[in-house]
Amino acid sequence: MGKFGFSFSLNRLLGITQAKQRFARTTGIPTTKSGVQRKIGASIWKMLFKK
C-alpha cells in the first residue's frame, strides 16, 4: 500500500491487468503461475481418480 492510502501500477494504467483478466475469463486459462499450477493439478487429480 502506498504512503497516502493508494498505490500506483503501470500495468493497470496501460490496461494490461484488464486484458489478462478478460483473456482468462473467456478462455478458461488462468494467467497467473499459481492459477496454472492449480488448474494442472486439478486435471491430473481428475485423471487419477476418475469415477
N, C-alpha and C. Protein backbone atom coordinates (compact mmCIF):
# COMPACT_ATOMS: atom_id res chain seq x y z
N MET A 1 0.85 -1.17 0.00
CA MET A 1 0.00 0.00 0.00
C MET A 1 0.89 1.23 0.00
N GLY A 2 0.45 2.22 -0.70
CA GLY A 2 1.25 3.43 -0.82
C GLY A 2 1.23 4.26 0.45
N LYS A 3 1.99 5.30 0.43
CA LYS A 3 2.13 6.15 1.60
C LYS A 3 0.83 6.88 1.93
N PHE A 4 0.04 7.24 0.93
CA PHE A 4 -1.17 8.02 1.15
C PHE A 4 -2.45 7.19 1.03
N GLY A 5 -2.34 5.87 1.10
CA GLY A 5 -3.51 5.03 1.06
C GLY A 5 -3.86 4.52 -0.33
N PHE A 6 -3.02 4.80 -1.31
CA PHE A 6 -3.25 4.26 -2.64
C PHE A 6 -1.92 3.88 -3.25
N SER A 7 -1.97 3.02 -4.25
CA SER A 7 -0.74 2.57 -4.89
C SER A 7 -0.86 2.79 -6.40
N PHE A 8 0.27 2.83 -7.06
CA PHE A 8 0.33 3.05 -8.50
C PHE A 8 0.80 1.78 -9.18
N SER A 9 0.13 1.42 -10.28
CA SER A 9 0.53 0.25 -11.04
C SER A 9 0.55 0.62 -12.52
N LEU A 10 1.72 0.47 -13.12
CA LEU A 10 1.85 0.77 -14.54
C LEU A 10 1.02 -0.20 -15.38
N ASN A 11 0.96 -1.46 -14.97
CA ASN A 11 0.16 -2.44 -15.70
C ASN A 11 -1.31 -2.06 -15.73
N ARG A 12 -1.84 -1.61 -14.60
CA ARG A 12 -3.24 -1.19 -14.56
C ARG A 12 -3.45 0.06 -15.40
N LEU A 13 -2.50 0.96 -15.39
CA LEU A 13 -2.61 2.19 -16.18
C LEU A 13 -2.66 1.87 -17.67
N LEU A 14 -1.87 0.91 -18.11
CA LEU A 14 -1.81 0.55 -19.52
C LEU A 14 -2.92 -0.41 -19.94
N GLY A 15 -3.67 -0.94 -18.97
CA GLY A 15 -4.77 -1.85 -19.29
C GLY A 15 -4.35 -3.30 -19.41
N ILE A 16 -3.12 -3.62 -19.02
CA ILE A 16 -2.63 -4.99 -19.13
C ILE A 16 -3.38 -5.91 -18.17
N THR A 17 -3.64 -5.44 -16.97
CA THR A 17 -4.34 -6.24 -15.98
C THR A 17 -5.73 -6.61 -16.47
N GLN A 18 -6.46 -5.65 -17.02
CA GLN A 18 -7.81 -5.91 -17.51
C GLN A 18 -7.79 -6.87 -18.70
N ALA A 19 -6.82 -6.71 -19.59
CA ALA A 19 -6.71 -7.60 -20.74
C ALA A 19 -6.43 -9.04 -20.30
N LYS A 20 -5.56 -9.21 -19.32
CA LYS A 20 -5.26 -10.55 -18.81
C LYS A 20 -6.49 -11.17 -18.15
N GLN A 21 -7.24 -10.38 -17.39
CA GLN A 21 -8.45 -10.88 -16.75
C GLN A 21 -9.48 -11.29 -17.79
N ARG A 22 -9.66 -10.47 -18.81
CA ARG A 22 -10.63 -10.77 -19.86
C ARG A 22 -10.24 -12.05 -20.60
N PHE A 23 -8.96 -12.19 -20.91
CA PHE A 23 -8.46 -13.40 -21.58
C PHE A 23 -8.72 -14.64 -20.74
N ALA A 24 -8.43 -14.54 -19.45
CA ALA A 24 -8.60 -15.69 -18.55
C ALA A 24 -10.07 -16.08 -18.44
N ARG A 25 -10.95 -15.10 -18.38
CA ARG A 25 -12.39 -15.40 -18.26
C ARG A 25 -12.94 -16.04 -19.52
N THR A 26 -12.55 -15.53 -20.69
CA THR A 26 -13.14 -16.04 -21.93
C THR A 26 -12.57 -17.41 -22.31
N THR A 27 -11.30 -17.66 -22.06
CA THR A 27 -10.69 -18.92 -22.47
C THR A 27 -10.71 -19.97 -21.37
N GLY A 28 -10.81 -19.56 -20.11
CA GLY A 28 -10.76 -20.51 -19.01
C GLY A 28 -9.33 -20.89 -18.66
N ILE A 29 -8.36 -20.21 -19.25
CA ILE A 29 -6.95 -20.47 -18.98
C ILE A 29 -6.44 -19.39 -18.03
N PRO A 30 -6.00 -19.75 -16.83
CA PRO A 30 -5.51 -18.74 -15.90
C PRO A 30 -4.20 -18.12 -16.39
N THR A 31 -3.97 -16.88 -16.01
CA THR A 31 -2.76 -16.17 -16.46
C THR A 31 -1.72 -16.01 -15.36
N THR A 32 -2.04 -16.51 -14.16
CA THR A 32 -1.07 -16.43 -13.08
C THR A 32 -0.39 -17.78 -12.91
N LYS A 33 0.80 -17.76 -12.35
CA LYS A 33 1.56 -19.00 -12.13
C LYS A 33 0.80 -19.94 -11.21
N SER A 34 0.26 -19.41 -10.12
CA SER A 34 -0.47 -20.26 -9.17
C SER A 34 -1.76 -20.79 -9.79
N GLY A 35 -2.41 -19.98 -10.64
CA GLY A 35 -3.62 -20.43 -11.30
C GLY A 35 -3.36 -21.57 -12.26
N VAL A 36 -2.26 -21.49 -13.00
CA VAL A 36 -1.90 -22.56 -13.94
C VAL A 36 -1.59 -23.83 -13.16
N GLN A 37 -0.81 -23.71 -12.08
CA GLN A 37 -0.48 -24.88 -11.26
C GLN A 37 -1.73 -25.52 -10.68
N ARG A 38 -2.66 -24.70 -10.22
CA ARG A 38 -3.90 -25.21 -9.64
C ARG A 38 -4.74 -25.94 -10.69
N LYS A 39 -4.82 -25.38 -11.89
CA LYS A 39 -5.60 -26.00 -12.96
C LYS A 39 -4.97 -27.32 -13.41
N ILE A 40 -3.65 -27.35 -13.55
CA ILE A 40 -2.97 -28.59 -13.95
C ILE A 40 -3.12 -29.65 -12.87
N GLY A 41 -2.96 -29.26 -11.62
CA GLY A 41 -3.11 -30.19 -10.51
C GLY A 41 -4.51 -30.77 -10.45
N ALA A 42 -5.52 -29.95 -10.69
CA ALA A 42 -6.90 -30.43 -10.66
C ALA A 42 -7.16 -31.40 -11.79
N SER A 43 -6.61 -31.13 -12.96
CA SER A 43 -6.84 -32.04 -14.09
C SER A 43 -6.12 -33.38 -13.88
N ILE A 44 -4.93 -33.36 -13.31
CA ILE A 44 -4.22 -34.61 -13.00
C ILE A 44 -5.00 -35.39 -11.95
N TRP A 45 -5.50 -34.70 -10.94
CA TRP A 45 -6.28 -35.34 -9.89
C TRP A 45 -7.51 -36.01 -10.47
N LYS A 46 -8.19 -35.33 -11.41
CA LYS A 46 -9.38 -35.91 -12.04
C LYS A 46 -9.02 -37.14 -12.87
N MET A 47 -7.88 -37.11 -13.56
CA MET A 47 -7.47 -38.26 -14.36
C MET A 47 -7.16 -39.48 -13.48
N LEU A 48 -6.53 -39.25 -12.34
CA LEU A 48 -6.15 -40.35 -11.45
C LEU A 48 -7.35 -40.96 -10.74
N PHE A 49 -8.28 -40.13 -10.33
CA PHE A 49 -9.40 -40.60 -9.51
C PHE A 49 -10.74 -40.45 -10.21
N LYS A 50 -10.74 -40.67 -11.50
CA LYS A 50 -11.97 -40.57 -12.28
C LYS A 50 -12.89 -41.74 -11.94
N LYS A 51 -14.15 -41.44 -11.77
CA LYS A 51 -15.11 -42.49 -11.40
C LYS A 51 -15.57 -43.25 -12.62
